[in-house]
C-alpha cells in the first residue's frame, strides 16, 4: 500500500524518460521519478497534472510484464 502524498508536500522529484523513448515529439512520453517508497509516473505533456504512484514491487512487476509484450 502506498501512503498518499500531496504534490505540495512531496519532496522535489527528479523526473526522467526512458532512453528507449523515440517519439518524433520529445514531449510525447511518460516520465518516471523514484523514491525509496514509491515510483511516480506522469505525462510529460502535462507535468503539473495527475501523477500515478505505485510501490517498487508493483513497478517491477509491471516492467517485467511490459517487457514481454
PDB file of N, CA and C in Angstrom:
ATOM      1  N   UNK A   1       0.841  -1.167   0.000  1.00  0.00           N
ATOM      2  CA  UNK A   1       0.000   0.000   0.000  1.00  0.00           C
ATOM      3  C   UNK A   1       0.891   1.236   0.000  1.00  0.00           C
ATOM      4  N   UNK A   2       0.449   2.265  -0.694  1.00  0.00           N
ATOM      5  CA  UNK A   2       1.223   3.498  -0.778  1.00  0.00           C
ATOM      6  C   UNK A   2       0.517   4.588   0.008  1.00  0.00           C
ATOM      7  N   UNK A   3       1.281   5.259   0.834  1.00  0.00           N
ATOM      8  CA  UNK A   3       0.745   6.408   1.561  1.00  0.00           C
ATOM      9  C   UNK A   3       0.568   7.549   0.572  1.00  0.00           C
ATOM     10  N   UNK A   4      -0.587   8.184   0.594  1.00  0.00           N
ATOM     11  CA  UNK A   4      -0.841   9.292  -0.325  1.00  0.00           C
ATOM     12  C   UNK A   4      -0.036  10.507   0.112  1.00  0.00           C
ATOM     13  N   UNK A   5       0.657  11.098  -0.838  1.00  0.00           N
ATOM     14  CA  UNK A   5       1.441  12.301  -0.589  1.00  0.00           C
ATOM     15  C   UNK A   5       0.924  13.370  -1.523  1.00  0.00           C
ATOM     16  N   UNK A   6       0.530  14.489  -0.983  1.00  0.00           N
ATOM     17  CA  UNK A   6       0.068  15.563  -1.857  1.00  0.00           C
ATOM     18  C   UNK A   6       1.268  16.141  -2.595  1.00  0.00           C
ATOM     19  N   UNK A   7       1.008  16.670  -3.772  1.00  0.00           N
ATOM     20  CA  UNK A   7       2.088  17.239  -4.576  1.00  0.00           C
ATOM     21  C   UNK A   7       2.775  18.363  -3.824  1.00  0.00           C
ATOM     22  N   UNK A   8       2.001  19.141  -3.063  1.00  0.00           N
ATOM     23  CA  UNK A   8       2.585  20.257  -2.329  1.00  0.00           C
ATOM     24  C   UNK A   8       3.553  19.781  -1.249  1.00  0.00           C
ATOM     25  N   UNK A   9       3.300  18.613  -0.663  1.00  0.00           N
ATOM     26  CA  UNK A   9       4.136  18.106   0.427  1.00  0.00           C
ATOM     27  C   UNK A   9       5.202  17.114  -0.029  1.00  0.00           C
ATOM     28  N   UNK A  10       5.178  16.742  -1.294  1.00  0.00           N
ATOM     29  CA  UNK A  10       6.144  15.759  -1.789  1.00  0.00           C
ATOM     30  C   UNK A  10       7.519  16.412  -1.901  1.00  0.00           C
ATOM     31  N   UNK A  11       8.551  15.650  -1.600  1.00  0.00           N
ATOM     32  CA  UNK A  11       9.898  16.195  -1.824  1.00  0.00           C
ATOM     33  C   UNK A  11      10.112  16.419  -3.320  1.00  0.00           C
ATOM     34  N   UNK A  12      11.032  17.274  -3.667  1.00  0.00           N
ATOM     35  CA  UNK A  12      11.300  17.537  -5.080  1.00  0.00           C
ATOM     36  C   UNK A  12      11.722  16.224  -5.748  1.00  0.00           C
ATOM     37  N   UNK A  13      11.023  15.882  -6.817  1.00  0.00           N
ATOM     38  CA  UNK A  13      11.289  14.634  -7.517  1.00  0.00           C
ATOM     39  C   UNK A  13      12.164  14.899  -8.733  1.00  0.00           C
ATOM     40  N   UNK A  14      13.012  13.949  -9.055  1.00  0.00           N
ATOM     41  CA  UNK A  14      13.869  14.044 -10.242  1.00  0.00           C
ATOM     42  C   UNK A  14      13.259  13.155 -11.324  1.00  0.00           C
ATOM     43  N   UNK A  15      12.628  13.778 -12.304  1.00  0.00           N
ATOM     44  CA  UNK A  15      11.908  13.064 -13.362  1.00  0.00           C
ATOM     45  C   UNK A  15      12.843  12.718 -14.509  1.00  0.00           C
ATOM     46  N   UNK A  16      12.601  11.556 -15.130  1.00  0.00           N
ATOM     47  CA  UNK A  16      13.376  11.167 -16.308  1.00  0.00           C
ATOM     48  C   UNK A  16      12.522  10.338 -17.250  1.00  0.00           C
ATOM     49  N   UNK A  17      12.952  10.293 -18.515  1.00  0.00           N
ATOM     50  CA  UNK A  17      12.293   9.490 -19.544  1.00  0.00           C
ATOM     51  C   UNK A  17      13.199   8.315 -19.874  1.00  0.00           C
ATOM     52  N   UNK A  18      12.612   7.279 -20.410  1.00  0.00           N
ATOM     53  CA  UNK A  18      13.384   6.115 -20.825  1.00  0.00           C
ATOM     54  C   UNK A  18      14.339   6.474 -21.956  1.00  0.00           C
ATOM     55  N   UNK A  19      15.489   5.866 -21.957  1.00  0.00           N
ATOM     56  CA  UNK A  19      16.428   6.058 -23.063  1.00  0.00           C
ATOM     57  C   UNK A  19      15.890   5.405 -24.338  1.00  0.00           C
ATOM     58  N   UNK A  20      14.867   4.555 -24.211  1.00  0.00           N
ATOM     59  CA  UNK A  20      14.240   3.921 -25.367  1.00  0.00           C
ATOM     60  C   UNK A  20      13.132   4.775 -25.963  1.00  0.00           C
ATOM     61  N   UNK A  21      12.836   5.908 -25.364  1.00  0.00           N
ATOM     62  CA  UNK A  21      11.792   6.795 -25.867  1.00  0.00           C
ATOM     63  C   UNK A  21      12.258   7.384 -27.188  1.00  0.00           C
ATOM     64  N   UNK A  22      11.542   7.063 -28.269  1.00  0.00           N
ATOM     65  CA  UNK A  22      11.986   7.522 -29.587  1.00  0.00           C
ATOM     66  C   UNK A  22      10.869   8.217 -30.360  1.00  0.00           C
ATOM     67  N   UNK A  23       9.928   8.809 -29.668  1.00  0.00           N
ATOM     68  CA  UNK A  23       8.845   9.520 -30.329  1.00  0.00           C
ATOM     69  C   UNK A  23       9.401  10.685 -31.135  1.00  0.00           C
ATOM     70  N   UNK A  24       8.732  11.022 -32.236  1.00  0.00           N
ATOM     71  CA  UNK A  24       9.160  12.176 -33.029  1.00  0.00           C
ATOM     72  C   UNK A  24       8.923  13.477 -32.261  1.00  0.00           C
ATOM     73  N   UNK A  25       8.022  13.430 -31.280  1.00  0.00           N
ATOM     74  CA  UNK A  25       7.772  14.578 -30.411  1.00  0.00           C
ATOM     75  C   UNK A  25       8.401  14.272 -29.065  1.00  0.00           C
ATOM     76  N   UNK A  26       9.434  14.994 -28.694  1.00  0.00           N
ATOM     77  CA  UNK A  26      10.170  14.729 -27.460  1.00  0.00           C
ATOM     78  C   UNK A  26       9.336  14.808 -26.203  1.00  0.00           C
ATOM     79  N   UNK A  27       8.176  15.462 -26.261  1.00  0.00           N
ATOM     80  CA  UNK A  27       7.308  15.558 -25.089  1.00  0.00           C
ATOM     81  C   UNK A  27       6.229  14.490 -25.068  1.00  0.00           C
ATOM     82  N   UNK A  28       6.226  13.598 -26.035  1.00  0.00           N
ATOM     83  CA  UNK A  28       5.210  12.559 -26.150  1.00  0.00           C
ATOM     84  C   UNK A  28       5.662  11.311 -25.403  1.00  0.00           C
ATOM     85  N   UNK A  29       5.688  11.389 -24.100  1.00  0.00           N
ATOM     86  CA  UNK A  29       6.262  10.294 -23.337  1.00  0.00           C
ATOM     87  C   UNK A  29       5.736  10.347 -21.904  1.00  0.00           C
ATOM     88  N   UNK A  30       5.954   9.276 -21.179  1.00  0.00           N
ATOM     89  CA  UNK A  30       5.727   9.327 -19.742  1.00  0.00           C
ATOM     90  C   UNK A  30       7.074   9.551 -19.076  1.00  0.00           C
ATOM     91  N   UNK A  31       7.032  10.147 -17.913  1.00  0.00           N
ATOM     92  CA  UNK A  31       8.240  10.372 -17.129  1.00  0.00           C
ATOM     93  C   UNK A  31       8.084   9.652 -15.801  1.00  0.00           C
ATOM     94  N   UNK A  32       9.193   9.267 -15.240  1.00  0.00           N
ATOM     95  CA  UNK A  32       9.212   8.499 -14.001  1.00  0.00           C
ATOM     96  C   UNK A  32      10.150   9.179 -13.011  1.00  0.00           C
ATOM     97  N   UNK A  33       9.764   9.158 -11.745  1.00  0.00           N
ATOM     98  CA  UNK A  33      10.621   9.624 -10.651  1.00  0.00           C
ATOM     99  C   UNK A  33      10.550   8.572  -9.552  1.00  0.00           C
ATOM    100  N   UNK A  34      11.680   8.258  -8.977  1.00  0.00           N
ATOM    101  CA  UNK A  34      11.705   7.221  -7.946  1.00  0.00           C
ATOM    102  C   UNK A  34      12.057   7.798  -6.582  1.00  0.00           C
ATOM    103  N   UNK A  35      11.470   7.201  -5.558  1.00  0.00           N
ATOM    104  CA  UNK A  35      11.841   7.467  -4.173  1.00  0.00           C
ATOM    105  C   UNK A  35      12.026   6.102  -3.518  1.00  0.00           C
ATOM    106  N   UNK A  36      12.390   6.082  -2.285  1.00  0.00           N
ATOM    107  CA  UNK A  36      12.575   4.803  -1.598  1.00  0.00           C
ATOM    108  C   UNK A  36      11.271   4.022  -1.472  1.00  0.00           C
ATOM    109  N   UNK A  37      10.156   4.720  -1.393  1.00  0.00           N
ATOM    110  CA  UNK A  37       8.885   4.044  -1.130  1.00  0.00           C
ATOM    111  C   UNK A  37       7.921   4.016  -2.300  1.00  0.00           C
ATOM    112  N   UNK A  38       8.208   4.738  -3.386  1.00  0.00           N
ATOM    113  CA  UNK A  38       7.249   4.792  -4.486  1.00  0.00           C
ATOM    114  C   UNK A  38       7.923   5.121  -5.809  1.00  0.00           C
ATOM    115  N   UNK A  39       7.271   4.684  -6.880  1.00  0.00           N
ATOM    116  CA  UNK A  39       7.636   5.077  -8.233  1.00  0.00           C
ATOM    117  C   UNK A  39       6.508   5.987  -8.704  1.00  0.00           C
ATOM    118  N   UNK A  40       6.850   7.192  -9.139  1.00  0.00           N
ATOM    119  CA  UNK A  40       5.873   8.174  -9.577  1.00  0.00           C
ATOM    120  C   UNK A  40       5.917   8.249 -11.098  1.00  0.00           C
ATOM    121  N   UNK A  41       4.740   8.313 -11.724  1.00  0.00           N
ATOM    122  CA  UNK A  41       4.638   8.354 -13.180  1.00  0.00           C
ATOM    123  C   UNK A  41       3.750   9.537 -13.556  1.00  0.00           C
ATOM    124  N   UNK A  42       4.166  10.285 -14.588  1.00  0.00           N
ATOM    125  CA  UNK A  42       3.360  11.407 -15.062  1.00  0.00           C
ATOM    126  C   UNK A  42       3.469  11.521 -16.577  1.00  0.00           C
ATOM    127  N   UNK A  43       2.547  12.257 -17.162  1.00  0.00           N
ATOM    128  CA  UNK A  43       2.535  12.544 -18.595  1.00  0.00           C
ATOM    129  C   UNK A  43       3.465  13.730 -18.847  1.00  0.00           C
ATOM    130  N   UNK A  44       4.448  13.562 -19.712  1.00  0.00           N
ATOM    131  CA  UNK A  44       5.412  14.639 -19.954  1.00  0.00           C
ATOM    132  C   UNK A  44       4.766  15.863 -20.589  1.00  0.00           C
ATOM    133  N   UNK A  45       3.616  15.703 -21.254  1.00  0.00           N
ATOM    134  CA  UNK A  45       2.931  16.845 -21.845  1.00  0.00           C
ATOM    135  C   UNK A  45       2.185  17.667 -20.804  1.00  0.00           C
ATOM    136  N   UNK A  46       1.973  17.103 -19.620  1.00  0.00           N
ATOM    137  CA  UNK A  46       1.216  17.777 -18.568  1.00  0.00           C
ATOM    138  C   UNK A  46       1.908  17.544 -17.218  1.00  0.00           C
ATOM    139  N   UNK A  47       3.103  18.104 -17.018  1.00  0.00           N
ATOM    140  CA  UNK A  47       3.876  17.804 -15.811  1.00  0.00           C
ATOM    141  C   UNK A  47       3.208  18.247 -14.508  1.00  0.00           C
ATOM    142  N   UNK A  48       2.286  19.189 -14.552  1.00  0.00           N
ATOM    143  CA  UNK A  48       1.586  19.616 -13.337  1.00  0.00           C
ATOM    144  C   UNK A  48       0.293  18.834 -13.131  1.00  0.00           C
ATOM    145  N   UNK A  49      -0.020  17.946 -14.060  1.00  0.00           N
ATOM    146  CA  UNK A  49      -1.262  17.182 -13.998  1.00  0.00           C
ATOM    147  C   UNK A  49      -1.179  16.008 -13.033  1.00  0.00           C
ATOM    148  N   UNK A  50      -2.128  15.089 -13.147  1.00  0.00           N
ATOM    149  CA  UNK A  50      -2.182  13.939 -12.245  1.00  0.00           C
ATOM    150  C   UNK A  50      -0.931  13.071 -12.338  1.00  0.00           C
ATOM    151  N   UNK A  51      -0.634  12.440 -11.235  1.00  0.00           N
ATOM    152  CA  UNK A  51       0.511  11.524 -11.162  1.00  0.00           C
ATOM    153  C   UNK A  51       0.036  10.199 -10.589  1.00  0.00           C
ATOM    154  N   UNK A  52       0.657   9.152 -11.040  1.00  0.00           N
ATOM    155  CA  UNK A  52       0.366   7.820 -10.537  1.00  0.00           C
ATOM    156  C   UNK A  52       1.530   7.409  -9.648  1.00  0.00           C
ATOM    157  N   UNK A  53       1.235   6.873  -8.489  1.00  0.00           N
ATOM    158  CA  UNK A  53       2.275   6.380  -7.594  1.00  0.00           C
ATOM    159  C   UNK A  53       2.048   4.911  -7.304  1.00  0.00           C
ATOM    160  N   UNK A  54       3.093   4.103  -7.486  1.00  0.00           N
ATOM    161  CA  UNK A  54       2.999   2.666  -7.211  1.00  0.00           C
ATOM    162  C   UNK A  54       4.191   2.233  -6.373  1.00  0.00           C
ATOM    163  N   UNK A  55       4.040   1.105  -5.731  1.00  0.00           N
ATOM    164  CA  UNK A  55       5.146   0.571  -4.923  1.00  0.00           C
ATOM    165  C   UNK A  55       6.261   0.074  -5.848  1.00  0.00           C
ATOM    166  N   UNK A  56       7.485   0.018  -5.347  1.00  0.00           N
ATOM    167  CA  UNK A  56       8.574  -0.529  -6.161  1.00  0.00           C
ATOM    168  C   UNK A  56       8.302  -1.959  -6.623  1.00  0.00           C
ATOM    169  N   UNK A  57       7.650  -2.756  -5.798  1.00  0.00           N
ATOM    170  CA  UNK A  57       7.323  -4.137  -6.183  1.00  0.00           C
ATOM    171  C   UNK A  57       6.325  -4.160  -7.338  1.00  0.00           C
ATOM    172  N   UNK A  58       5.285  -3.326  -7.252  1.00  0.00           N
ATOM    173  CA  UNK A  58       4.296  -3.260  -8.331  1.00  0.00           C
ATOM    174  C   UNK A  58       4.946  -2.759  -9.620  1.00  0.00           C
ATOM    175  N   UNK A  59       5.837  -1.779  -9.531  1.00  0.00           N
ATOM    176  CA  UNK A  59       6.524  -1.252 -10.706  1.00  0.00           C
ATOM    177  C   UNK A  59       7.390  -2.335 -11.348  1.00  0.00           C
ATOM    178  N   UNK A  60       8.123  -3.078 -10.543  1.00  0.00           N
ATOM    179  CA  UNK A  60       8.973  -4.147 -11.078  1.00  0.00           C
ATOM    180  C   UNK A  60       8.128  -5.190 -11.803  1.00  0.00           C
ATOM    181  N   UNK A  61       6.974  -5.522 -11.241  1.00  0.00           N
ATOM    182  CA  UNK A  61       6.073  -6.477 -11.890  1.00  0.00           C
ATOM    183  C   UNK A  61       5.561  -5.928 -13.211  1.00  0.00           C
ATOM    184  N   UNK A  62       5.188  -4.652 -13.236  1.00  0.00           N
ATOM    185  CA  UNK A  62       4.714  -4.023 -14.464  1.00  0.00           C
ATOM    186  C   UNK A  62       5.802  -4.033 -15.539  1.00  0.00           C
ATOM    187  N   UNK A  63       7.019  -3.637 -15.181  1.00  0.00           N
ATOM    188  CA  UNK A  63       8.120  -3.590 -16.154  1.00  0.00           C
ATOM    189  C   UNK A  63       8.405  -4.987 -16.703  1.00  0.00           C
ATOM    190  N   UNK A  64       8.410  -5.994 -15.850  1.00  0.00           N
ATOM    191  CA  UNK A  64       8.631  -7.367 -16.309  1.00  0.00           C
ATOM    192  C   UNK A  64       7.533  -7.782 -17.285  1.00  0.00           C
ATOM    193  N   UNK A  65       6.289  -7.471 -16.952  1.00  0.00           N
ATOM    194  CA  UNK A  65       5.157  -7.804 -17.828  1.00  0.00           C
ATOM    195  C   UNK A  65       5.269  -7.067 -19.151  1.00  0.00           C
ATOM    196  N   UNK A  66       5.522  -5.762 -19.106  1.00  0.00           N
ATOM    197  CA  UNK A  66       5.584  -4.956 -20.320  1.00  0.00           C
ATOM    198  C   UNK A  66       6.744  -5.382 -21.230  1.00  0.00           C
ATOM    199  N   UNK A  67       7.840  -5.798 -20.651  1.00  0.00           N
ATOM    200  CA  UNK A  67       8.997  -6.183 -21.461  1.00  0.00           C
ATOM    201  C   UNK A  67       8.765  -7.483 -22.220  1.00  0.00           C
ATOM    202  N   UNK A  68       7.779  -8.253 -21.811  1.00  0.00           N
ATOM    203  CA  UNK A  68       7.441  -9.494 -22.505  1.00  0.00           C
ATOM    204  C   UNK A  68       6.513  -9.243 -23.685  1.00  0.00           C
ATOM    205  N   UNK A  69       5.971  -8.056 -23.796  1.00  0.00           N
ATOM    206  CA  UNK A  69       4.973  -7.746 -24.848  1.00  0.00           C
ATOM    207  C   UNK A  69       5.620  -7.139 -26.043  1.00  0.00           C
TER     208      UNK A  69
END
